[in-house]
Amino acid sequence: MDDIVKQAMTKWPNVPDCYGWLGLDTRGNWFMRDERAQACGPFDGAVPGSKGDEVRHGKLLDFIARNYAADARGCWYFQNGPQRVFVELLATPLIWRLQPDGSVQDHIGRKAQVQGSWLDEQGHLYLEADLGLGLVHSQDMTLAAQAVELGQWQPQEVLQVRLQQQFGFVKSPETLYKK
């Protein structure tokens, strides 16, 4: 976490948390969800405009990446100065990018050590790693298939609806905290 963020948290300890304004899609892209996007519906993208606007500003993306973490309940957030901005997850808190050399990185560039692999009823591949559970990026499925064929990963079956409970993350923190 950035020092300036830690200082802001100390200076302003009672800033209310923020919900619904930031989302992470299945390709590792961040989306800002203003009031208009939130009014369109949940972050699932089923209704046009509900995902919001993709964040493309390099320095903002870097700032989010350095300050992205999970709380004790498995709710992922971006610590924006003194304010905790909880993230709506389309799938998982991490999106894995596979590298030609066999290494694995999450969507913010951190290297990970794979500990297990899972395949859901839709054919989505998830990797459990030292950083947590993540969905394999759709563009990396050729490399993933090679890893499975070589016996590096032996995917176990998992039901998509059980991922949150089994791996301890929350797709929509607002459902837990804002009741």
N, C-alpha and C. Protein backbone atom coordinates (compact mmCIF):
# COMPACT_ATOMS: atom_id res chain seq x y z
N MET A 1 0.85 -1.18 0.00
CA MET A 1 0.00 0.00 0.00
C MET A 1 0.89 1.24 0.00
N ASP A 2 0.50 2.25 -0.75
CA ASP A 2 1.27 3.48 -0.84
C ASP A 2 1.34 4.19 0.51
N ASP A 3 2.49 4.79 0.81
CA ASP A 3 2.65 5.54 2.07
C ASP A 3 1.64 6.67 2.17
N ILE A 4 1.40 7.36 1.07
CA ILE A 4 0.45 8.47 1.09
C ILE A 4 -0.96 7.99 1.46
N VAL A 5 -1.30 6.77 1.05
CA VAL A 5 -2.59 6.19 1.39
C VAL A 5 -2.64 5.90 2.89
N LYS A 6 -1.57 5.31 3.43
CA LYS A 6 -1.51 5.02 4.87
C LYS A 6 -1.62 6.31 5.69
N GLN A 7 -0.96 7.36 5.23
CA GLN A 7 -1.02 8.64 5.94
C GLN A 7 -2.45 9.21 5.92
N ALA A 8 -3.11 9.11 4.78
CA ALA A 8 -4.48 9.61 4.67
C ALA A 8 -5.43 8.82 5.57
N MET A 9 -5.19 7.51 5.69
CA MET A 9 -6.03 6.69 6.55
C MET A 9 -5.87 7.10 8.02
N THR A 10 -4.65 7.46 8.39
CA THR A 10 -4.40 7.91 9.76
C THR A 10 -5.02 9.27 10.01
N LYS A 11 -4.89 10.16 9.03
CA LYS A 11 -5.39 11.53 9.18
C LYS A 11 -6.92 11.57 9.20
N TRP A 12 -7.56 10.73 8.37
CA TRP A 12 -9.03 10.72 8.26
C TRP A 12 -9.52 9.29 8.48
N PRO A 13 -9.60 8.82 9.73
CA PRO A 13 -9.92 7.41 9.99
C PRO A 13 -11.38 7.03 9.82
N ASN A 14 -12.27 7.97 9.72
CA ASN A 14 -13.70 7.64 9.70
C ASN A 14 -14.40 7.95 8.38
N VAL A 15 -13.68 7.87 7.28
CA VAL A 15 -14.30 8.11 5.97
C VAL A 15 -15.16 6.88 5.62
N PRO A 16 -16.40 7.10 5.23
CA PRO A 16 -17.27 5.95 4.92
C PRO A 16 -16.77 5.15 3.71
N ASP A 17 -17.05 3.87 3.75
CA ASP A 17 -16.69 3.00 2.63
C ASP A 17 -17.57 3.31 1.43
N CYS A 18 -17.09 2.89 0.27
CA CYS A 18 -17.77 3.14 -0.99
C CYS A 18 -18.12 1.79 -1.64
N TYR A 19 -19.34 1.67 -2.13
CA TYR A 19 -19.80 0.42 -2.74
C TYR A 19 -20.37 0.68 -4.13
N GLY A 20 -20.14 -0.28 -5.02
CA GLY A 20 -20.79 -0.25 -6.32
C GLY A 20 -20.10 0.60 -7.38
N TRP A 21 -19.06 1.33 -7.02
CA TRP A 21 -18.46 2.29 -7.94
C TRP A 21 -17.28 1.75 -8.75
N LEU A 22 -16.78 0.57 -8.41
CA LEU A 22 -15.63 0.01 -9.12
C LEU A 22 -15.90 -1.47 -9.36
N GLY A 23 -15.63 -1.92 -10.59
CA GLY A 23 -15.85 -3.32 -10.94
C GLY A 23 -14.64 -3.90 -11.66
N LEU A 24 -14.49 -5.22 -11.54
CA LEU A 24 -13.42 -5.96 -12.22
C LEU A 24 -14.07 -7.03 -13.09
N ASP A 25 -13.79 -7.00 -14.40
CA ASP A 25 -14.42 -7.97 -15.29
C ASP A 25 -13.58 -9.23 -15.46
N THR A 26 -14.00 -10.12 -16.33
CA THR A 26 -13.33 -11.41 -16.51
C THR A 26 -12.04 -11.32 -17.31
N ARG A 27 -11.70 -10.14 -17.78
CA ARG A 27 -10.46 -9.96 -18.53
C ARG A 27 -9.46 -9.10 -17.76
N GLY A 28 -9.79 -8.81 -16.49
CA GLY A 28 -8.88 -8.03 -15.66
C GLY A 28 -8.98 -6.54 -15.88
N ASN A 29 -10.07 -6.09 -16.48
CA ASN A 29 -10.28 -4.66 -16.72
C ASN A 29 -11.11 -4.06 -15.59
N TRP A 30 -10.74 -2.86 -15.20
CA TRP A 30 -11.44 -2.12 -14.16
C TRP A 30 -12.48 -1.22 -14.81
N PHE A 31 -13.64 -1.09 -14.15
CA PHE A 31 -14.70 -0.23 -14.65
C PHE A 31 -15.18 0.70 -13.54
N MET A 32 -15.26 1.99 -13.86
CA MET A 32 -15.86 2.97 -12.96
C MET A 32 -17.36 2.97 -13.22
N ARG A 33 -18.12 2.83 -12.15
CA ARG A 33 -19.57 2.73 -12.27
C ARG A 33 -20.22 3.93 -11.58
N ASP A 34 -20.48 4.96 -12.34
CA ASP A 34 -21.10 6.15 -11.77
C ASP A 34 -22.57 5.84 -11.45
N GLU A 35 -23.29 6.85 -10.99
CA GLU A 35 -24.69 6.64 -10.59
C GLU A 35 -25.54 6.13 -11.76
N ARG A 36 -25.26 6.62 -12.96
CA ARG A 36 -26.00 6.18 -14.15
C ARG A 36 -25.80 4.68 -14.37
N ALA A 37 -24.55 4.22 -14.30
CA ALA A 37 -24.26 2.79 -14.52
C ALA A 37 -24.89 1.94 -13.43
N GLN A 38 -24.80 2.40 -12.19
CA GLN A 38 -25.39 1.64 -11.09
C GLN A 38 -26.91 1.55 -11.23
N ALA A 39 -27.53 2.63 -11.73
CA ALA A 39 -28.98 2.64 -11.90
C ALA A 39 -29.43 1.66 -12.99
N CYS A 40 -28.52 1.34 -13.93
CA CYS A 40 -28.85 0.39 -15.00
C CYS A 40 -28.95 -1.05 -14.48
N GLY A 41 -28.31 -1.32 -13.36
CA GLY A 41 -28.38 -2.68 -12.80
C GLY A 41 -27.04 -3.15 -12.28
N PRO A 42 -26.97 -4.43 -11.93
CA PRO A 42 -25.74 -4.98 -11.37
C PRO A 42 -24.61 -5.00 -12.39
N PHE A 43 -23.40 -5.23 -11.90
CA PHE A 43 -22.19 -5.18 -12.71
C PHE A 43 -22.08 -6.34 -13.70
N ASP A 44 -23.05 -7.19 -13.80
CA ASP A 44 -22.94 -8.35 -14.68
C ASP A 44 -22.99 -8.00 -16.16
N GLY A 45 -23.31 -6.78 -16.50
CA GLY A 45 -23.32 -6.35 -17.89
C GLY A 45 -24.54 -6.81 -18.67
N ALA A 46 -25.50 -7.45 -17.99
CA ALA A 46 -26.69 -7.94 -18.69
C ALA A 46 -27.50 -6.80 -19.30
N VAL A 47 -27.48 -5.65 -18.62
CA VAL A 47 -28.19 -4.47 -19.13
C VAL A 47 -27.14 -3.52 -19.70
N PRO A 48 -27.34 -3.05 -20.94
CA PRO A 48 -26.37 -2.11 -21.51
C PRO A 48 -26.13 -0.92 -20.58
N GLY A 49 -24.86 -0.58 -20.39
CA GLY A 49 -24.48 0.55 -19.56
C GLY A 49 -24.22 0.21 -18.11
N SER A 50 -24.57 -1.02 -17.67
CA SER A 50 -24.44 -1.35 -16.25
C SER A 50 -22.99 -1.60 -15.82
N LYS A 51 -22.12 -1.91 -16.76
CA LYS A 51 -20.72 -2.11 -16.38
C LYS A 51 -20.02 -0.79 -16.10
N GLY A 52 -20.46 0.28 -16.71
CA GLY A 52 -19.82 1.57 -16.53
C GLY A 52 -18.76 1.81 -17.58
N ASP A 53 -17.79 2.66 -17.24
CA ASP A 53 -16.73 3.04 -18.18
C ASP A 53 -15.41 2.39 -17.79
N GLU A 54 -14.74 1.80 -18.77
CA GLU A 54 -13.46 1.15 -18.50
C GLU A 54 -12.41 2.19 -18.11
N VAL A 55 -11.64 1.87 -17.08
CA VAL A 55 -10.54 2.72 -16.64
C VAL A 55 -9.36 2.45 -17.56
N ARG A 56 -8.86 3.50 -18.20
CA ARG A 56 -7.75 3.35 -19.15
C ARG A 56 -6.55 4.21 -18.79
N HIS A 57 -6.66 5.06 -17.79
CA HIS A 57 -5.59 5.96 -17.41
C HIS A 57 -4.49 5.16 -16.70
N GLY A 58 -3.30 5.12 -17.29
CA GLY A 58 -2.20 4.30 -16.80
C GLY A 58 -1.84 4.52 -15.34
N LYS A 59 -1.72 5.78 -14.94
CA LYS A 59 -1.33 6.06 -13.55
C LYS A 59 -2.43 5.66 -12.57
N LEU A 60 -3.69 5.83 -12.96
CA LEU A 60 -4.78 5.39 -12.09
C LEU A 60 -4.79 3.87 -11.98
N LEU A 61 -4.57 3.17 -13.09
CA LEU A 61 -4.50 1.71 -13.06
C LEU A 61 -3.37 1.24 -12.14
N ASP A 62 -2.22 1.89 -12.22
CA ASP A 62 -1.09 1.54 -11.35
C ASP A 62 -1.43 1.79 -9.88
N PHE A 63 -2.11 2.90 -9.60
CA PHE A 63 -2.50 3.24 -8.23
C PHE A 63 -3.48 2.21 -7.67
N ILE A 64 -4.44 1.82 -8.48
CA ILE A 64 -5.39 0.79 -8.05
C ILE A 64 -4.64 -0.51 -7.75
N ALA A 65 -3.74 -0.90 -8.65
CA ALA A 65 -3.00 -2.15 -8.48
C ALA A 65 -2.19 -2.17 -7.19
N ARG A 66 -1.55 -1.06 -6.86
CA ARG A 66 -0.72 -1.01 -5.65
C ARG A 66 -1.54 -1.04 -4.37
N ASN A 67 -2.81 -0.70 -4.46
CA ASN A 67 -3.65 -0.56 -3.28
C ASN A 67 -4.88 -1.47 -3.32
N TYR A 68 -4.75 -2.62 -3.98
CA TYR A 68 -5.82 -3.60 -4.13
C TYR A 68 -5.58 -4.72 -3.12
N ALA A 69 -6.58 -5.01 -2.30
CA ALA A 69 -6.42 -6.02 -1.26
C ALA A 69 -7.79 -6.58 -0.87
N ALA A 70 -7.77 -7.53 0.06
CA ALA A 70 -9.01 -8.12 0.56
C ALA A 70 -9.09 -7.93 2.06
N ASP A 71 -10.31 -7.82 2.57
CA ASP A 71 -10.49 -7.75 4.01
C ASP A 71 -10.67 -9.17 4.57
N ALA A 72 -10.88 -9.27 5.86
CA ALA A 72 -10.98 -10.56 6.53
C ALA A 72 -12.18 -11.39 6.07
N ARG A 73 -13.17 -10.75 5.50
CA ARG A 73 -14.37 -11.47 5.04
C ARG A 73 -14.29 -11.90 3.58
N GLY A 74 -13.19 -11.56 2.90
CA GLY A 74 -13.04 -11.92 1.50
C GLY A 74 -13.60 -10.91 0.53
N CYS A 75 -13.86 -9.70 1.02
CA CYS A 75 -14.32 -8.62 0.15
C CYS A 75 -13.10 -7.86 -0.36
N TRP A 76 -12.97 -7.76 -1.66
CA TRP A 76 -11.83 -7.09 -2.26
C TRP A 76 -12.14 -5.60 -2.43
N TYR A 77 -11.12 -4.79 -2.25
CA TYR A 77 -11.29 -3.35 -2.29
C TYR A 77 -10.03 -2.67 -2.81
N PHE A 78 -10.23 -1.42 -3.18
CA PHE A 78 -9.15 -0.52 -3.56
C PHE A 78 -9.11 0.55 -2.49
N GLN A 79 -7.97 0.68 -1.81
CA GLN A 79 -7.83 1.69 -0.76
C GLN A 79 -7.46 3.01 -1.43
N ASN A 80 -8.44 3.90 -1.57
CA ASN A 80 -8.27 5.18 -2.25
C ASN A 80 -8.10 6.26 -1.19
N GLY A 81 -6.86 6.46 -0.77
CA GLY A 81 -6.61 7.39 0.32
C GLY A 81 -7.29 6.84 1.56
N PRO A 82 -8.08 7.65 2.25
CA PRO A 82 -8.73 7.15 3.46
C PRO A 82 -10.00 6.33 3.20
N GLN A 83 -10.42 6.27 1.95
CA GLN A 83 -11.68 5.58 1.64
C GLN A 83 -11.43 4.22 1.01
N ARG A 84 -12.13 3.24 1.53
CA ARG A 84 -12.10 1.88 1.01
C ARG A 84 -13.20 1.76 -0.05
N VAL A 85 -12.78 1.50 -1.29
CA VAL A 85 -13.72 1.36 -2.41
C VAL A 85 -13.85 -0.13 -2.72
N PHE A 86 -14.97 -0.73 -2.31
CA PHE A 86 -15.17 -2.15 -2.53
C PHE A 86 -15.44 -2.43 -3.99
N VAL A 87 -14.93 -3.58 -4.46
CA VAL A 87 -14.96 -3.93 -5.88
C VAL A 87 -16.04 -4.98 -6.15
N GLU A 88 -16.83 -4.71 -7.18
CA GLU A 88 -17.80 -5.68 -7.70
C GLU A 88 -17.03 -6.60 -8.65
N LEU A 89 -17.08 -7.88 -8.41
CA LEU A 89 -16.34 -8.85 -9.21
C LEU A 89 -17.27 -9.56 -10.17
N LEU A 90 -16.92 -9.56 -11.44
CA LEU A 90 -17.73 -10.29 -12.41
C LEU A 90 -17.51 -11.79 -12.25
N ALA A 91 -16.30 -12.20 -11.86
CA ALA A 91 -16.02 -13.63 -11.69
C ALA A 91 -15.24 -13.88 -10.39
N THR A 92 -13.99 -13.50 -10.37
CA THR A 92 -13.08 -13.76 -9.26
C THR A 92 -12.25 -12.51 -8.97
N PRO A 93 -11.60 -12.46 -7.80
CA PRO A 93 -10.81 -11.27 -7.47
C PRO A 93 -9.51 -11.13 -8.27
N LEU A 94 -9.08 -12.20 -8.89
CA LEU A 94 -7.86 -12.18 -9.68
C LEU A 94 -8.15 -12.77 -11.05
N ILE A 95 -7.49 -12.23 -12.05
CA ILE A 95 -7.56 -12.77 -13.41
C ILE A 95 -6.13 -13.14 -13.79
N TRP A 96 -5.93 -14.42 -14.11
CA TRP A 96 -4.58 -14.91 -14.40
C TRP A 96 -4.20 -14.71 -15.85
N ARG A 97 -2.97 -14.25 -16.03
CA ARG A 97 -2.34 -14.17 -17.36
C ARG A 97 -1.21 -15.17 -17.37
N LEU A 98 -1.24 -16.07 -18.33
CA LEU A 98 -0.22 -17.10 -18.45
C LEU A 98 0.87 -16.61 -19.39
N GLN A 99 2.09 -16.91 -19.02
CA GLN A 99 3.24 -16.45 -19.79
C GLN A 99 3.83 -17.62 -20.59
N PRO A 100 4.45 -17.34 -21.74
CA PRO A 100 5.03 -18.42 -22.56
C PRO A 100 6.06 -19.27 -21.81
N ASP A 101 6.72 -18.69 -20.81
CA ASP A 101 7.72 -19.45 -20.04
C ASP A 101 7.10 -20.32 -18.95
N GLY A 102 5.76 -20.35 -18.88
CA GLY A 102 5.07 -21.18 -17.90
C GLY A 102 4.72 -20.46 -16.61
N SER A 103 5.18 -19.24 -16.44
CA SER A 103 4.86 -18.50 -15.22
C SER A 103 3.44 -17.93 -15.31
N VAL A 104 2.93 -17.54 -14.15
CA VAL A 104 1.57 -17.03 -14.05
C VAL A 104 1.61 -15.69 -13.32
N GLN A 105 0.88 -14.72 -13.85
CA GLN A 105 0.76 -13.40 -13.22
C GLN A 105 -0.71 -13.04 -13.09
N ASP A 106 -1.02 -12.27 -12.05
CA ASP A 106 -2.40 -11.79 -11.95
C ASP A 106 -2.58 -10.56 -12.82
N HIS A 107 -3.78 -10.05 -12.90
CA HIS A 107 -4.12 -8.94 -13.79
C HIS A 107 -3.41 -7.64 -13.43
N ILE A 108 -2.79 -7.57 -12.26
CA ILE A 108 -2.04 -6.36 -11.90
C ILE A 108 -0.53 -6.59 -11.95
N GLY A 109 -0.12 -7.77 -12.45
CA GLY A 109 1.29 -8.01 -12.71
C GLY A 109 2.07 -8.75 -11.65
N ARG A 110 1.41 -9.23 -10.59
CA ARG A 110 2.13 -9.96 -9.55
C ARG A 110 2.29 -11.42 -9.95
N LYS A 111 3.51 -11.94 -9.79
CA LYS A 111 3.77 -13.36 -10.09
C LYS A 111 3.15 -14.22 -9.01
N ALA A 112 2.69 -15.41 -9.43
CA ALA A 112 2.02 -16.30 -8.49
C ALA A 112 2.53 -17.73 -8.67
N GLN A 113 2.39 -18.49 -7.61
CA GLN A 113 2.72 -19.91 -7.63
C GLN A 113 1.42 -20.70 -7.59
N VAL A 114 1.16 -21.45 -8.66
CA VAL A 114 -0.08 -22.22 -8.76
C VAL A 114 -0.04 -23.40 -7.80
N GLN A 115 -1.16 -23.57 -7.09
CA GLN A 115 -1.28 -24.67 -6.12
C GLN A 115 -2.35 -25.68 -6.52
N GLY A 116 -3.26 -25.27 -7.40
CA GLY A 116 -4.32 -26.17 -7.85
C GLY A 116 -5.08 -25.55 -9.00
N SER A 117 -5.85 -26.39 -9.68
CA SER A 117 -6.65 -25.89 -10.80
C SER A 117 -8.05 -26.49 -10.72
N TRP A 118 -9.00 -25.73 -11.24
CA TRP A 118 -10.42 -26.07 -11.13
C TRP A 118 -11.12 -25.77 -12.45
N LEU A 119 -12.08 -26.58 -12.80
CA LEU A 119 -12.84 -26.40 -14.03
C LEU A 119 -14.32 -26.43 -13.67
N ASP A 120 -15.06 -25.37 -14.07
CA ASP A 120 -16.49 -25.33 -13.73
C ASP A 120 -17.34 -25.94 -14.85
N GLU A 121 -18.63 -25.97 -14.62
CA GLU A 121 -19.57 -26.59 -15.55
C GLU A 121 -19.68 -25.83 -16.87
N GLN A 122 -19.19 -24.60 -16.92
CA GLN A 122 -19.20 -23.80 -18.15
C GLN A 122 -17.90 -23.93 -18.93
N GLY A 123 -16.91 -24.66 -18.36
CA GLY A 123 -15.61 -24.81 -19.01
C GLY A 123 -14.62 -23.72 -18.65
N HIS A 124 -14.93 -22.90 -17.65
CA HIS A 124 -14.00 -21.87 -17.20
C HIS A 124 -12.94 -22.50 -16.31
N LEU A 125 -11.69 -22.11 -16.53
CA LEU A 125 -10.57 -22.65 -15.77
C LEU A 125 -10.13 -21.64 -14.72
N TYR A 126 -9.99 -22.11 -13.49
CA TYR A 126 -9.57 -21.28 -12.37
C TYR A 126 -8.28 -21.86 -11.81
N LEU A 127 -7.41 -20.98 -11.37
CA LEU A 127 -6.19 -21.41 -10.71
C LEU A 127 -6.21 -20.93 -9.28
N GLU A 128 -5.88 -21.83 -8.37
CA GLU A 128 -5.69 -21.47 -6.98
C GLU A 128 -4.18 -21.28 -6.82
N ALA A 129 -3.80 -20.12 -6.27
CA ALA A 129 -2.38 -19.81 -6.14
C ALA A 129 -2.11 -19.16 -4.79
N ASP A 130 -0.87 -18.87 -4.54
CA ASP A 130 -0.49 -18.23 -3.29
C ASP A 130 -1.16 -16.87 -3.11
N LEU A 131 -1.59 -16.23 -4.18
CA LEU A 131 -2.26 -14.92 -4.10
C LEU A 131 -3.77 -15.05 -3.97
N GLY A 132 -4.31 -16.24 -4.21
CA GLY A 132 -5.75 -16.44 -4.13
C GLY A 132 -6.26 -17.16 -5.37
N LEU A 133 -7.58 -17.17 -5.52
CA LEU A 133 -8.20 -17.82 -6.65
C LEU A 133 -8.43 -16.82 -7.77
N GLY A 134 -8.20 -17.26 -9.00
CA GLY A 134 -8.46 -16.40 -10.13
C GLY A 134 -8.90 -17.19 -11.34
N LEU A 135 -9.55 -16.50 -12.24
CA LEU A 135 -9.99 -17.05 -13.51
C LEU A 135 -8.87 -16.88 -14.53
N VAL A 136 -8.63 -17.91 -15.34
CA VAL A 136 -7.65 -17.80 -16.41
C VAL A 136 -8.24 -16.94 -17.52
N HIS A 137 -7.49 -15.94 -17.96
CA HIS A 137 -7.91 -15.04 -19.04
C HIS A 137 -8.23 -15.86 -20.29
N SER A 138 -9.30 -15.51 -20.96
CA SER A 138 -9.75 -16.27 -22.13
C SER A 138 -8.70 -16.33 -23.24
N GLN A 139 -7.86 -15.32 -23.38
CA GLN A 139 -6.83 -15.33 -24.42
C GLN A 139 -5.68 -16.28 -24.10
N ASP A 140 -5.65 -16.80 -22.88
CA ASP A 140 -4.53 -17.66 -22.47
C ASP A 140 -4.92 -19.13 -22.40
N MET A 141 -6.04 -19.50 -22.96
CA MET A 141 -6.51 -20.88 -22.85
C MET A 141 -5.64 -21.86 -23.63
N THR A 142 -4.97 -21.43 -24.69
CA THR A 142 -4.07 -22.34 -25.41
C THR A 142 -2.91 -22.74 -24.50
N LEU A 143 -2.32 -21.75 -23.83
CA LEU A 143 -1.24 -22.05 -22.89
C LEU A 143 -1.74 -22.90 -21.72
N ALA A 144 -2.97 -22.64 -21.27
CA ALA A 144 -3.54 -23.42 -20.18
C ALA A 144 -3.74 -24.87 -20.61
N ALA A 145 -4.25 -25.07 -21.82
CA ALA A 145 -4.46 -26.43 -22.33
C ALA A 145 -3.13 -27.18 -22.42
N GLN A 146 -2.07 -26.49 -22.82
CA GLN A 146 -0.75 -27.12 -22.88
C GLN A 146 -0.29 -27.55 -21.49
N ALA A 147 -0.53 -26.71 -20.48
CA ALA A 147 -0.13 -27.05 -19.11
C ALA A 147 -0.90 -28.28 -18.62
N VAL A 148 -2.18 -28.37 -18.97
CA VAL A 148 -2.98 -29.54 -18.58
C VAL A 148 -2.48 -30.78 -19.30
N GLU A 149 -2.25 -30.65 -20.61
CA GLU A 149 -1.77 -31.80 -21.40
C GLU A 149 -0.42 -32.30 -20.91
N LEU A 150 0.42 -31.41 -20.43
CA LEU A 150 1.74 -31.80 -19.92
C LEU A 150 1.67 -32.33 -18.48
N GLY A 151 0.48 -32.29 -17.90
CA GLY A 151 0.31 -32.79 -16.54
C GLY A 151 0.73 -31.81 -15.45
N GLN A 152 1.00 -30.56 -15.82
CA GLN A 152 1.37 -29.56 -14.82
C GLN A 152 0.17 -29.19 -13.95
N TRP A 153 -1.00 -29.19 -14.53
CA TRP A 153 -2.24 -28.92 -13.81
C TRP A 153 -3.20 -30.07 -14.06
N GLN A 154 -3.92 -30.44 -13.03
CA GLN A 154 -4.94 -31.49 -13.14
C GLN A 154 -6.24 -30.93 -12.57
N PRO A 155 -6.99 -30.23 -13.42
CA PRO A 155 -8.19 -29.54 -12.94
C PRO A 155 -9.19 -30.47 -12.27
N GLN A 156 -9.69 -30.01 -11.13
CA GLN A 156 -10.75 -30.68 -10.41
C GLN A 156 -12.07 -30.00 -10.77
N GLU A 157 -13.15 -30.72 -10.70
CA GLU A 157 -14.45 -30.13 -11.02
C GLU A 157 -14.93 -29.26 -9.86
N VAL A 158 -15.56 -28.14 -10.21
CA VAL A 158 -16.15 -27.25 -9.21
C VAL A 158 -17.40 -26.61 -9.82
N LEU A 159 -18.40 -26.40 -9.00
CA LEU A 159 -19.58 -25.69 -9.46
C LEU A 159 -19.34 -24.19 -9.29
N GLN A 160 -19.65 -23.44 -10.31
CA GLN A 160 -19.42 -22.00 -10.29
C GLN A 160 -20.08 -21.33 -9.08
N VAL A 161 -21.27 -21.77 -8.71
CA VAL A 161 -21.99 -21.16 -7.59
C VAL A 161 -21.30 -21.41 -6.25
N ARG A 162 -20.38 -22.35 -6.20
CA ARG A 162 -19.68 -22.66 -4.94
C ARG A 162 -18.31 -22.00 -4.82
N LEU A 163 -17.87 -21.33 -5.85
CA LEU A 163 -16.53 -20.75 -5.82
C LEU A 163 -16.33 -19.77 -4.67
N GLN A 164 -17.29 -18.87 -4.46
CA GLN A 164 -17.14 -17.86 -3.40
C GLN A 164 -16.96 -18.51 -2.03
N GLN A 165 -17.83 -19.45 -1.72
CA GLN A 165 -17.75 -20.09 -0.41
C GLN A 165 -16.50 -20.95 -0.30
N GLN A 166 -16.20 -21.72 -1.32
CA GLN A 166 -15.07 -22.64 -1.26
C GLN A 166 -13.73 -21.90 -1.17
N PHE A 167 -13.63 -20.74 -1.83
CA PHE A 167 -12.35 -20.04 -1.88
C PHE A 167 -12.34 -18.73 -1.10
N GLY A 168 -13.42 -18.44 -0.39
CA GLY A 168 -13.43 -17.33 0.55
C GLY A 168 -13.36 -15.93 -0.03
N PHE A 169 -14.11 -15.68 -1.09
CA PHE A 169 -14.20 -14.31 -1.61
C PHE A 169 -15.66 -13.94 -1.83
N VAL A 170 -15.90 -12.64 -1.94
CA VAL A 170 -17.26 -12.13 -2.10
C VAL A 170 -17.33 -11.33 -3.40
N LYS A 171 -18.23 -11.72 -4.30
CA LYS A 171 -18.34 -11.02 -5.58
C LYS A 171 -18.94 -9.63 -5.45
N SER A 172 -19.88 -9.47 -4.53
CA SER A 172 -20.53 -8.18 -4.35
C SER A 172 -20.53 -7.80 -2.87
N PRO A 173 -19.49 -7.10 -2.42
CA PRO A 173 -19.38 -6.73 -1.00
C PRO A 173 -20.58 -5.96 -0.47
N GLU A 174 -21.23 -5.24 -1.35
CA GLU A 174 -22.39 -4.45 -0.92
C GLU A 174 -23.46 -5.34 -0.28
N THR A 175 -23.57 -6.58 -0.73
CA THR A 175 -24.57 -7.48 -0.17
C THR A 175 -24.27 -7.82 1.29
N LEU A 176 -23.02 -7.76 1.70
CA LEU A 176 -22.66 -8.05 3.08
C LEU A 176 -22.70 -6.83 3.98
N TYR A 177 -22.21 -5.70 3.48
CA TYR A 177 -21.98 -4.54 4.31
C TYR A 177 -23.11 -3.51 4.32
N LYS A 178 -23.84 -3.40 3.24
CA LYS A 178 -24.89 -2.37 3.16
C LYS A 178 -26.26 -3.02 3.25
N LYS A 179 -26.66 -3.34 4.45
CA LYS A 179 -27.98 -3.93 4.64
C LYS A 179 -28.82 -3.03 5.47
